[in-house]
């Protein structure tokens, strides 16, 4: 069985999400990567060195400079003629591409898998992670997205895949790139951070969020996350949101400050190795999954904790 894996990259290097997708794909059979972009020969060589990769299909064309999914999906379908499955990480990019590929192939997409039980059988979370469904697909071609926190990252070195240029399908003229706003930060990206400090609505304002959460995160070398309530209240940007409708994370340490632990938030972080909860409500749901809990006023506890680190 040959699997085609979508490569997430920033034009300079392969993102960690791809490494988890490679691990998942390796359980299905031979692993081929699809790398699209403009002037991405260096990234292709890096991708070829990932352990377990047999081949890298490189589509280098101006039409793919911004990886517009309307241009990418037809290319994936073209390559699926010689592949049995398409695997993408369940990131913003992967979630945009995979449904289009599934629709063009007229097959059912299997989303957010947690494990590969067989070449046609997978597990995936349902009901915000409160139940795990085992799914068997009878489709000849499989389209799968991978929950990256459920799979170990493949080593970036040790592979000897060949890089092969593929014919491009060009610009379909269905969409165009206008611009993008990228939040710049010196902190670790949430999905790859070893430690995350996340704040909730209880902080009361964006100013208090910055005053309390950011110094603690700086002391811990941590990424900064937030509950949906904090994001909706305007304390922090959308890309900080952790949860069912935000980012799925599994750091070594997750510090939840003023977060009640609604099921939607727990769905995004309950796989963290150690969960530390700070909340004045001792009956808050977050304490049911926390390894360490501090009951008290966060406005007193967090500054004291920061000072002692």
C-alpha atoms as a PDB file:
ATOM      1  CA  UNK A   1       0.000   0.000   0.000  1.00  0.00           C
ATOM      2  CA  UNK A   2       1.390   3.401  -1.010  1.00  0.00           C
ATOM      3  CA  UNK A   3       0.451   6.452   1.016  1.00  0.00           C
ATOM      4  CA  UNK A   4       0.793  10.083  -0.066  1.00  0.00           C
ATOM      5  CA  UNK A   5       1.454  12.469   2.826  1.00  0.00           C
ATOM      6  CA  UNK A   6       0.832  16.199   2.609  1.00  0.00           C
ATOM      7  CA  UNK A   7       3.908  18.176   3.740  1.00  0.00           C
ATOM      8  CA  UNK A   8       3.266  21.200   5.924  1.00  0.00           C
ATOM      9  CA  UNK A   9       6.092  23.731   5.583  1.00  0.00           C
ATOM     10  CA  UNK A  10       6.762  27.445   5.812  1.00  0.00           C
ATOM     11  CA  UNK A  11       8.936  27.678   2.721  1.00  0.00           C
ATOM     12  CA  UNK A  12      12.097  27.106   4.745  1.00  0.00           C
ATOM     13  CA  UNK A  13      11.593  23.913   6.732  1.00  0.00           C
ATOM     14  CA  UNK A  14       9.177  21.045   7.338  1.00  0.00           C
ATOM     15  CA  UNK A  15       6.762  21.606  10.222  1.00  0.00           C
ATOM     16  CA  UNK A  16       6.480  19.148  13.110  1.00  0.00           C
ATOM     17  CA  UNK A  17       2.911  18.223  12.151  1.00  0.00           C
ATOM     18  CA  UNK A  18       4.264  16.479   9.064  1.00  0.00           C
ATOM     19  CA  UNK A  19       6.473  14.237  11.192  1.00  0.00           C
ATOM     20  CA  UNK A  20       3.471  12.880  13.089  1.00  0.00           C
ATOM     21  CA  UNK A  21       1.608  12.303   9.829  1.00  0.00           C
ATOM     22  CA  UNK A  22       4.606  10.336   8.511  1.00  0.00           C
ATOM     23  CA  UNK A  23       4.493   8.074  11.571  1.00  0.00           C
ATOM     24  CA  UNK A  24       0.793   7.412  10.999  1.00  0.00           C
ATOM     25  CA  UNK A  25       1.310   6.786   7.279  1.00  0.00           C
ATOM     26  CA  UNK A  26       4.152   4.345   7.938  1.00  0.00           C
ATOM     27  CA  UNK A  27       1.616   2.019   9.579  1.00  0.00           C
ATOM     28  CA  UNK A  28      -0.193   1.769   6.240  1.00  0.00           C
ATOM     29  CA  UNK A  29       2.773   0.948   4.005  1.00  0.00           C
ATOM     30  CA  UNK A  30       5.230   2.859   1.811  1.00  0.00           C
ATOM     31  CA  UNK A  31       5.423   6.566   2.595  1.00  0.00           C
ATOM     32  CA  UNK A  32       5.575   9.118  -0.219  1.00  0.00           C
ATOM     33  CA  UNK A  33       5.477  12.840   0.515  1.00  0.00           C
ATOM     34  CA  UNK A  34       3.872  15.602  -1.527  1.00  0.00           C
ATOM     35  CA  UNK A  35       5.648  18.937  -1.250  1.00  0.00           C
ATOM     36  CA  UNK A  36       4.208  21.928  -3.078  1.00  0.00           C
ATOM     37  CA  UNK A  37       5.429  25.501  -3.196  1.00  0.00           C
ATOM     38  CA  UNK A  38       7.749  27.824  -5.069  1.00  0.00           C
ATOM     39  CA  UNK A  39      11.533  27.514  -4.813  1.00  0.00           C
ATOM     40  CA  UNK A  40      11.248  24.653  -2.324  1.00  0.00           C
ATOM     41  CA  UNK A  41      14.177  22.464  -3.426  1.00  0.00           C
ATOM     42  CA  UNK A  42      15.854  22.923  -0.034  1.00  0.00           C
ATOM     43  CA  UNK A  43      12.712  21.897   1.821  1.00  0.00           C
ATOM     44  CA  UNK A  44      12.384  18.871  -0.477  1.00  0.00           C
ATOM     45  CA  UNK A  45      15.880  17.698   0.471  1.00  0.00           C
ATOM     46  CA  UNK A  46      15.033  18.088   4.150  1.00  0.00           C
ATOM     47  CA  UNK A  47      11.790  16.141   3.660  1.00  0.00           C
ATOM     48  CA  UNK A  48      13.669  13.351   1.870  1.00  0.00           C
ATOM     49  CA  UNK A  49      15.834  12.894   4.960  1.00  0.00           C
ATOM     50  CA  UNK A  50      12.893  12.150   7.279  1.00  0.00           C
ATOM     51  CA  UNK A  51      13.131   8.615   8.611  1.00  0.00           C
ATOM     52  CA  UNK A  52      10.734   6.240   6.870  1.00  0.00           C
ATOM     53  CA  UNK A  53      10.181   8.342   3.739  1.00  0.00           C
ATOM     54  CA  UNK A  54      10.626   6.479   0.450  1.00  0.00           C
ATOM     55  CA  UNK A  55      10.003   9.294  -2.030  1.00  0.00           C
ATOM     56  CA  UNK A  56       9.219  13.010  -2.170  1.00  0.00           C
ATOM     57  CA  UNK A  57       6.985  14.268  -4.974  1.00  0.00           C
ATOM     58  CA  UNK A  58       7.920  17.920  -5.448  1.00  0.00           C
ATOM     59  CA  UNK A  59       5.619  20.343  -7.262  1.00  0.00           C
ATOM     60  CA  UNK A  60       7.584  23.582  -7.644  1.00  0.00           C
ATOM     61  CA  UNK A  61       5.521  26.200  -9.400  1.00  0.00           C
ATOM     62  CA  UNK A  62       4.395  29.809  -8.950  1.00  0.00           C
ATOM     63  CA  UNK A  63       0.805  28.507  -8.801  1.00  0.00           C
ATOM     64  CA  UNK A  64       1.691  26.868  -5.468  1.00  0.00           C
ATOM     65  CA  UNK A  65       3.570  29.798  -3.931  1.00  0.00           C
ATOM     66  CA  UNK A  66       0.852  30.259  -1.306  1.00  0.00           C
ATOM     67  CA  UNK A  67      -0.418  26.657  -1.372  1.00  0.00           C
ATOM     68  CA  UNK A  68      -3.957  27.653  -2.306  1.00  0.00           C
ATOM     69  CA  UNK A  69      -6.076  24.566  -1.770  1.00  0.00           C
ATOM     70  CA  UNK A  70      -8.051  25.080  -4.973  1.00  0.00           C
ATOM     71  CA  UNK A  71      -4.818  24.580  -6.897  1.00  0.00           C
ATOM     72  CA  UNK A  72      -3.389  21.854  -4.679  1.00  0.00           C
ATOM     73  CA  UNK A  73      -6.386  19.498  -4.489  1.00  0.00           C
ATOM     74  CA  UNK A  74      -6.435  18.648  -8.240  1.00  0.00           C
ATOM     75  CA  UNK A  75      -2.711  17.865  -8.046  1.00  0.00           C
ATOM     76  CA  UNK A  76      -3.305  15.479  -5.143  1.00  0.00           C
ATOM     77  CA  UNK A  77      -6.075  13.742  -7.091  1.00  0.00           C
ATOM     78  CA  UNK A  78      -3.732  13.429 -10.070  1.00  0.00           C
ATOM     79  CA  UNK A  79      -1.130  11.662  -7.886  1.00  0.00           C
ATOM     80  CA  UNK A  80      -3.727   9.473  -6.193  1.00  0.00           C
ATOM     81  CA  UNK A  81      -3.957   7.451  -9.400  1.00  0.00           C
ATOM     82  CA  UNK A  82      -0.789   5.696  -8.197  1.00  0.00           C
ATOM     83  CA  UNK A  83      -1.412   5.856  -4.430  1.00  0.00           C
ATOM     84  CA  UNK A  84      -3.841   4.094  -2.124  1.00  0.00           C
ATOM     85  CA  UNK A  85      -4.241   6.677   0.634  1.00  0.00           C
ATOM     86  CA  UNK A  86      -3.841  10.399   1.204  1.00  0.00           C
ATOM     87  CA  UNK A  87      -2.795  11.429   4.724  1.00  0.00           C
ATOM     88  CA  UNK A  88      -2.657  14.988   6.055  1.00  0.00           C
ATOM     89  CA  UNK A  89      -2.115  16.352   9.554  1.00  0.00           C
ATOM     90  CA  UNK A  90      -5.319  17.686  11.116  1.00  0.00           C
ATOM     91  CA  UNK A  91      -4.059  21.263  11.004  1.00  0.00           C
ATOM     92  CA  UNK A  92      -5.709  24.265   9.380  1.00  0.00           C
ATOM     93  CA  UNK A  93      -4.018  23.420   6.071  1.00  0.00           C
ATOM     94  CA  UNK A  94      -4.717  19.715   6.226  1.00  0.00           C
ATOM     95  CA  UNK A  95      -8.357  20.265   7.141  1.00  0.00           C
ATOM     96  CA  UNK A  96      -8.746  22.559   4.140  1.00  0.00           C
ATOM     97  CA  UNK A  97      -7.161  20.214   1.591  1.00  0.00           C
ATOM     98  CA  UNK A  98      -8.388  16.768   2.653  1.00  0.00           C
ATOM     99  CA  UNK A  99     -12.158  17.407   2.228  1.00  0.00           C
ATOM    100  CA  UNK A 100     -11.618  18.732  -1.294  1.00  0.00           C
ATOM    101  CA  UNK A 101      -9.536  15.699  -2.195  1.00  0.00           C
ATOM    102  CA  UNK A 102     -12.169  13.359  -0.752  1.00  0.00           C
ATOM    103  CA  UNK A 103     -14.924  15.109  -2.700  1.00  0.00           C
ATOM    104  CA  UNK A 104     -12.991  14.949  -5.974  1.00  0.00           C
ATOM    105  CA  UNK A 105     -12.263  11.248  -5.410  1.00  0.00           C
ATOM    106  CA  UNK A 106     -15.871  10.658  -4.284  1.00  0.00           C
ATOM    107  CA  UNK A 107     -14.814   8.895  -1.083  1.00  0.00           C
ATOM    108  CA  UNK A 108     -15.512   9.380   2.620  1.00  0.00           C
ATOM    109  CA  UNK A 109     -12.910  11.272   4.638  1.00  0.00           C
ATOM    110  CA  UNK A 110     -11.775   9.735   7.940  1.00  0.00           C
ATOM    111  CA  UNK A 111     -10.977  12.649  10.220  1.00  0.00           C
ATOM    112  CA  UNK A 112      -8.662  13.194  13.164  1.00  0.00           C
ATOM    113  CA  UNK A 113      -7.496   9.601  13.621  1.00  0.00           C
ATOM    114  CA  UNK A 114      -5.873   8.490  16.872  1.00  0.00           C
ATOM    115  CA  UNK A 115      -4.525   5.125  15.688  1.00  0.00           C
ATOM    116  CA  UNK A 116      -4.172   2.849  12.688  1.00  0.00           C
ATOM    117  CA  UNK A 117      -5.617  -0.577  13.495  1.00  0.00           C
ATOM    118  CA  UNK A 118      -5.317  -1.980   9.966  1.00  0.00           C
ATOM    119  CA  UNK A 119      -4.975  -0.638   6.429  1.00  0.00           C
ATOM    120  CA  UNK A 120      -8.724  -0.009   6.354  1.00  0.00           C
ATOM    121  CA  UNK A 121      -9.449   0.487  10.076  1.00  0.00           C
ATOM    122  CA  UNK A 122      -8.806   3.513  12.294  1.00  0.00           C
ATOM    123  CA  UNK A 123      -9.874   5.000  15.625  1.00  0.00           C
ATOM    124  CA  UNK A 124     -11.048   8.577  16.015  1.00  0.00           C
ATOM    125  CA  UNK A 125     -12.584  10.674  18.805  1.00  0.00           C
ATOM    126  CA  UNK A 126     -16.269  11.584  18.879  1.00  0.00           C
ATOM    127  CA  UNK A 127     -18.372  13.595  21.340  1.00  0.00           C
ATOM    128  CA  UNK A 128     -15.447  15.948  22.069  1.00  0.00           C
ATOM    129  CA  UNK A 129     -13.196  13.008  22.877  1.00  0.00           C
ATOM    130  CA  UNK A 130     -15.528  11.364  25.394  1.00  0.00           C
ATOM    131  CA  UNK A 131     -15.870   8.310  23.164  1.00  0.00           C
ATOM    132  CA  UNK A 132     -13.553   6.651  20.667  1.00  0.00           C
ATOM    133  CA  UNK A 133     -15.045   5.255  17.453  1.00  0.00           C
ATOM    134  CA  UNK A 134     -13.448   2.462  15.457  1.00  0.00           C
ATOM    135  CA  UNK A 135     -14.024   3.105  11.759  1.00  0.00           C
ATOM    136  CA  UNK A 136     -13.537   0.696   8.871  1.00  0.00           C
ATOM    137  CA  UNK A 137     -13.514   2.130   5.354  1.00  0.00           C
ATOM    138  CA  UNK A 138     -14.515   0.166   2.272  1.00  0.00           C
ATOM    139  CA  UNK A 139     -13.368   2.928  -0.101  1.00  0.00           C
ATOM    140  CA  UNK A 140     -10.635   1.903  -2.519  1.00  0.00           C
ATOM    141  CA  UNK A 141      -8.847   5.206  -1.907  1.00  0.00           C
ATOM    142  CA  UNK A 142      -8.479   6.427   1.682  1.00  0.00           C
ATOM    143  CA  UNK A 143      -8.420  10.091   2.699  1.00  0.00           C
ATOM    144  CA  UNK A 144      -7.296  10.531   6.297  1.00  0.00           C
ATOM    145  CA  UNK A 145      -6.416  13.405   8.624  1.00  0.00           C
ATOM    146  CA  UNK A 146      -4.209  12.706  11.642  1.00  0.00           C
ATOM    147  CA  UNK A 147      -4.425  14.103  15.159  1.00  0.00           C
ATOM    148  CA  UNK A 148      -0.753  14.938  15.475  1.00  0.00           C
ATOM    149  CA  UNK A 149      -0.652  14.658  19.276  1.00  0.00           C
ATOM    150  CA  UNK A 150      -1.610  10.969  19.026  1.00  0.00           C
ATOM    151  CA  UNK A 151       1.494   9.921  17.058  1.00  0.00           C
ATOM    152  CA  UNK A 152       5.194  10.231  17.810  1.00  0.00           C
ATOM    153  CA  UNK A 153       7.156  12.516  15.519  1.00  0.00           C
ATOM    154  CA  UNK A 154       9.251  10.689  12.933  1.00  0.00           C
ATOM    155  CA  UNK A 155      12.981  11.510  13.243  1.00  0.00           C
ATOM    156  CA  UNK A 156      14.068  14.288  10.905  1.00  0.00           C
ATOM    157  CA  UNK A 157      17.163  12.302   9.981  1.00  0.00           C
ATOM    158  CA  UNK A 158      17.855   8.769   8.873  1.00  0.00           C
ATOM    159  CA  UNK A 159      15.798   8.705   5.687  1.00  0.00           C
ATOM    160  CA  UNK A 160      17.063   8.405   2.139  1.00  0.00           C
ATOM    161  CA  UNK A 161      14.036   9.232   0.029  1.00  0.00           C
ATOM    162  CA  UNK A 162      14.381  10.237  -3.601  1.00  0.00           C
ATOM    163  CA  UNK A 163      13.095  13.634  -4.748  1.00  0.00           C
ATOM    164  CA  UNK A 164      11.019  13.489  -7.906  1.00  0.00           C
ATOM    165  CA  UNK A 165       9.590  16.524  -9.703  1.00  0.00           C
ATOM    166  CA  UNK A 166       5.974  16.022 -10.728  1.00  0.00           C
ATOM    167  CA  UNK A 167       4.005  17.736 -13.501  1.00  0.00           C
ATOM    168  CA  UNK A 168       2.005  20.600 -12.053  1.00  0.00           C
ATOM    169  CA  UNK A 169      -1.638  21.237 -12.756  1.00  0.00           C
ATOM    170  CA  UNK A 170      -1.201  25.024 -12.720  1.00  0.00           C
ATOM    171  CA  UNK A 171      -3.403  27.822 -11.471  1.00  0.00           C
ATOM    172  CA  UNK A 172      -7.090  26.888 -11.671  1.00  0.00           C
ATOM    173  CA  UNK A 173      -8.155  30.518 -11.329  1.00  0.00           C
ATOM    174  CA  UNK A 174     -10.650  29.727  -8.567  1.00  0.00           C
ATOM    175  CA  UNK A 175      -8.972  31.790  -5.866  1.00  0.00           C
ATOM    176  CA  UNK A 176      -6.177  34.312  -5.469  1.00  0.00           C
ATOM    177  CA  UNK A 177      -3.835  35.310  -2.684  1.00  0.00           C
ATOM    178  CA  UNK A 178      -4.517  38.795  -1.299  1.00  0.00           C
ATOM    179  CA  UNK A 179      -2.409  38.945   1.833  1.00  0.00           C
ATOM    180  CA  UNK A 180      -1.832  37.522   5.289  1.00  0.00           C
ATOM    181  CA  UNK A 181      -1.194  38.749   8.797  1.00  0.00           C
ATOM    182  CA  UNK A 182       1.150  36.524  10.776  1.00  0.00           C
ATOM    183  CA  UNK A 183       1.513  37.033  14.500  1.00  0.00           C
ATOM    184  CA  UNK A 184       5.205  37.219  15.354  1.00  0.00           C
ATOM    185  CA  UNK A 185       6.324  35.726  18.662  1.00  0.00           C
ATOM    186  CA  UNK A 186       9.536  34.568  20.264  1.00  0.00           C
ATOM    187  CA  UNK A 187       7.617  31.959  22.236  1.00  0.00           C
ATOM    188  CA  UNK A 188       7.237  28.330  21.132  1.00  0.00           C
ATOM    189  CA  UNK A 189       4.372  27.538  18.759  1.00  0.00           C
ATOM    190  CA  UNK A 190       1.533  25.904  20.676  1.00  0.00           C
ATOM    191  CA  UNK A 191       1.391  22.607  18.824  1.00  0.00           C
ATOM    192  CA  UNK A 192       5.106  21.949  19.387  1.00  0.00           C
ATOM    193  CA  UNK A 193       5.667  23.613  22.797  1.00  0.00           C
ATOM    194  CA  UNK A 194       6.955  21.420  25.655  1.00  0.00           C
ATOM    195  CA  UNK A 195       5.248  23.686  28.207  1.00  0.00           C
ATOM    196  CA  UNK A 196       2.075  25.753  27.774  1.00  0.00           C
ATOM    197  CA  UNK A 197       0.577  28.334  30.123  1.00  0.00           C
ATOM    198  CA  UNK A 198      -3.067  29.010  29.258  1.00  0.00           C
ATOM    199  CA  UNK A 199      -5.431  31.602  30.671  1.00  0.00           C
ATOM    200  CA  UNK A 200      -9.198  31.781  30.857  1.00  0.00           C
ATOM    201  CA  UNK A 201     -11.952  34.371  31.117  1.00  0.00           C
ATOM    202  CA  UNK A 202     -11.414  34.642  34.889  1.00  0.00           C
ATOM    203  CA  UNK A 203      -8.401  36.876  34.213  1.00  0.00           C
ATOM    204  CA  UNK A 204     -10.879  39.644  33.461  1.00  0.00           C
ATOM    205  CA  UNK A 205      -9.102  41.590  30.716  1.00  0.00           C
ATOM    206  CA  UNK A 206      -6.401  41.492  28.088  1.00  0.00           C
ATOM    207  CA  UNK A 207      -4.233  43.678  30.300  1.00  0.00           C
ATOM    208  CA  UNK A 208      -4.441  41.250  33.222  1.00  0.00           C
ATOM    209  CA  UNK A 209      -3.828  38.341  30.849  1.00  0.00           C
ATOM    210  CA  UNK A 210      -0.586  39.949  29.689  1.00  0.00           C
ATOM    211  CA  UNK A 211       0.372  40.997  33.209  1.00  0.00           C
ATOM    212  CA  UNK A 212      -0.056  37.545  34.767  1.00  0.00           C
ATOM    213  CA  UNK A 213       0.212  34.873  32.073  1.00  0.00           C
ATOM    214  CA  UNK A 214       3.060  36.190  29.942  1.00  0.00           C
ATOM    215  CA  UNK A 215       5.666  36.600  32.756  1.00  0.00           C
ATOM    216  CA  UNK A 216       4.903  33.068  33.984  1.00  0.00           C
ATOM    217  CA  UNK A 217       5.240  31.723  30.441  1.00  0.00           C
ATOM    218  CA  UNK A 218       8.535  33.585  30.028  1.00  0.00           C
ATOM    219  CA  UNK A 219       9.920  32.011  33.213  1.00  0.00           C
ATOM    220  CA  UNK A 220       8.939  28.550  31.998  1.00  0.00           C
ATOM    221  CA  UNK A 221       9.970  29.047  28.363  1.00  0.00           C
ATOM    222  CA  UNK A 222       6.377  28.210  27.522  1.00  0.00           C
ATOM    223  CA  UNK A 223       3.891  28.850  24.770  1.00  0.00           C
ATOM    224  CA  UNK A 224       0.841  30.941  25.647  1.00  0.00           C
ATOM    225  CA  UNK A 225      -2.627  29.499  25.146  1.00  0.00           C
ATOM    226  CA  UNK A 226      -6.148  30.493  26.051  1.00  0.00           C
ATOM    227  CA  UNK A 227      -9.652  29.154  26.398  1.00  0.00           C
ATOM    228  CA  UNK A 228     -12.255  30.043  23.797  1.00  0.00           C
ATOM    229  CA  UNK A 229     -13.965  32.308  26.320  1.00  0.00           C
ATOM    230  CA  UNK A 230     -10.761  34.336  26.723  1.00  0.00           C
ATOM    231  CA  UNK A 231     -10.324  34.566  22.960  1.00  0.00           C
ATOM    232  CA  UNK A 232     -13.963  35.569  22.406  1.00  0.00           C
ATOM    233  CA  UNK A 233     -13.566  38.238  25.081  1.00  0.00           C
ATOM    234  CA  UNK A 234     -10.675  39.694  23.085  1.00  0.00           C
ATOM    235  CA  UNK A 235      -7.907  39.027  25.617  1.00  0.00           C
ATOM    236  CA  UNK A 236      -5.671  37.301  23.041  1.00  0.00           C
ATOM    237  CA  UNK A 237      -5.709  36.520  19.291  1.00  0.00           C
ATOM    238  CA  UNK A 238      -7.549  33.517  17.823  1.00  0.00           C
ATOM    239  CA  UNK A 239      -4.349  31.556  17.170  1.00  0.00           C
ATOM    240  CA  UNK A 240      -3.882  31.200  20.945  1.00  0.00           C
ATOM    241  CA  UNK A 241      -7.073  29.191  21.383  1.00  0.00           C
ATOM    242  CA  UNK A 242      -6.776  25.659  22.727  1.00  0.00           C
ATOM    243  CA  UNK A 243      -9.748  23.314  22.501  1.00  0.00           C
ATOM    244  CA  UNK A 244     -12.150  21.476  20.269  1.00  0.00           C
ATOM    245  CA  UNK A 245     -12.513  24.484  17.958  1.00  0.00           C
ATOM    246  CA  UNK A 246      -8.915  25.632  18.475  1.00  0.00           C
ATOM    247  CA  UNK A 247      -5.581  23.859  18.599  1.00  0.00           C
ATOM    248  CA  UNK A 248      -5.086  20.338  19.903  1.00  0.00           C
ATOM    249  CA  UNK A 249      -2.004  20.194  22.105  1.00  0.00           C
ATOM    250  CA  UNK A 250      -0.204  17.605  24.236  1.00  0.00           C
ATOM    251  CA  UNK A 251       2.770  19.294  25.933  1.00  0.00           C
ATOM    252  CA  UNK A 252       4.773  17.815  28.775  1.00  0.00           C
ATOM    253  CA  UNK A 253       3.289  20.432  31.135  1.00  0.00           C
ATOM    254  CA  UNK A 254       0.026  22.340  30.702  1.00  0.00           C
ATOM    255  CA  UNK A 255      -0.763  25.086  33.212  1.00  0.00           C
ATOM    256  CA  UNK A 256      -4.429  26.125  33.167  1.00  0.00           C
ATOM    257  CA  UNK A 257      -5.000  29.454  34.903  1.00  0.00           C
ATOM    258  CA  UNK A 258      -8.578  30.529  35.557  1.00  0.00           C
ATOM    259  CA  UNK A 259      -9.972  27.934  33.155  1.00  0.00           C
ATOM    260  CA  UNK A 260     -13.036  26.072  34.372  1.00  0.00           C
ATOM    261  CA  UNK A 261     -12.431  23.063  32.143  1.00  0.00           C
ATOM    262  CA  UNK A 262     -15.466  22.961  29.876  1.00  0.00           C
ATOM    263  CA  UNK A 263     -15.567  19.814  27.763  1.00  0.00           C
ATOM    264  CA  UNK A 264     -14.677  21.762  24.623  1.00  0.00           C
ATOM    265  CA  UNK A 265     -11.437  22.976  26.222  1.00  0.00           C
ATOM    266  CA  UNK A 266     -10.549  19.603  27.704  1.00  0.00           C
ATOM    267  CA  UNK A 267     -10.842  18.048  24.236  1.00  0.00           C
ATOM    268  CA  UNK A 268      -7.850  20.110  23.149  1.00  0.00           C
ATOM    269  CA  UNK A 269      -5.435  19.526  26.038  1.00  0.00           C
ATOM    270  CA  UNK A 270      -6.355  16.495  28.133  1.00  0.00           C
ATOM    271  CA  UNK A 271      -3.571  14.402  26.534  1.00  0.00           C
ATOM    272  CA  UNK A 272      -0.956  16.666  28.168  1.00  0.00           C
ATOM    273  CA  UNK A 273       1.550  14.693  30.247  1.00  0.00           C
ATOM    274  CA  UNK A 274       1.127  16.833  33.396  1.00  0.00           C
ATOM    275  CA  UNK A 275      -1.805  19.205  33.911  1.00  0.00           C
ATOM    276  CA  UNK A 276      -1.594  21.941  36.538  1.00  0.00           C
ATOM    277  CA  UNK A 277      -4.832  23.786  37.369  1.00  0.00           C
ATOM    278  CA  UNK A 278      -5.190  27.087  39.218  1.00  0.00           C
ATOM    279  CA  UNK A 279      -8.792  28.025  39.993  1.00  0.00           C
ATOM    280  CA  UNK A 280     -10.735  29.446  42.921  1.00  0.00           C
ATOM    281  CA  UNK A 281     -13.632  27.015  42.358  1.00  0.00           C
ATOM    282  CA  UNK A 282     -12.668  23.671  43.894  1.00  0.00           C
ATOM    283  CA  UNK A 283     -15.521  22.009  41.966  1.00  0.00           C
ATOM    284  CA  UNK A 284     -14.303  23.218  38.557  1.00  0.00           C
ATOM    285  CA  UNK A 285     -14.218  20.364  35.993  1.00  0.00           C
ATOM    286  CA  UNK A 286     -10.548  21.082  35.242  1.00  0.00           C
ATOM    287  CA  UNK A 287      -9.595  19.469  38.569  1.00  0.00           C
ATOM    288  CA  UNK A 288     -10.996  16.139  37.366  1.00  0.00           C
ATOM    289  CA  UNK A 289      -8.162  15.836  34.821  1.00  0.00           C
ATOM    290  CA  UNK A 290      -5.482  17.834  36.658  1.00  0.00           C
ATOM    291  CA  UNK A 291      -2.408  16.120  38.129  1.00  0.00           C
ATOM    292  CA  UNK A 292      -1.735  19.123  40.357  1.00  0.00           C
ATOM    293  CA  UNK A 293      -4.359  21.596  41.542  1.00  0.00           C
ATOM    294  CA  UNK A 294      -4.167  24.919  43.372  1.00  0.00           C
ATOM    295  CA  UNK A 295      -7.443  26.239  44.762  1.00  0.00           C
ATOM    296  CA  UNK A 296      -7.289  29.944  45.374  1.00  0.00           C
ATOM    297  CA  UNK A 297      -7.182  33.444  43.940  1.00  0.00           C
ATOM    298  CA  UNK A 298      -5.177  33.380  40.703  1.00  0.00           C
ATOM    299  CA  UNK A 299      -4.350  37.066  41.131  1.00  0.00           C
ATOM    300  CA  UNK A 300      -2.331  36.108  44.224  1.00  0.00           C
ATOM    301  CA  UNK A 301      -1.104  32.637  43.254  1.00  0.00           C
ATOM    302  CA  UNK A 302       0.258  33.395  39.777  1.00  0.00           C
ATOM    303  CA  UNK A 303       2.464  36.386  40.732  1.00  0.00           C
ATOM    304  CA  UNK A 304       3.838  34.404  43.719  1.00  0.00           C
ATOM    305  CA  UNK A 305       4.517  31.382  41.506  1.00  0.00           C
ATOM    306  CA  UNK A 306       6.265  33.584  38.959  1.00  0.00           C
ATOM    307  CA  UNK A 307       8.452  35.170  41.632  1.00  0.00           C
ATOM    308  CA  UNK A 308       9.558  31.792  43.010  1.00  0.00           C
ATOM    309  CA  UNK A 309      10.509  30.299  39.629  1.00  0.00           C
END
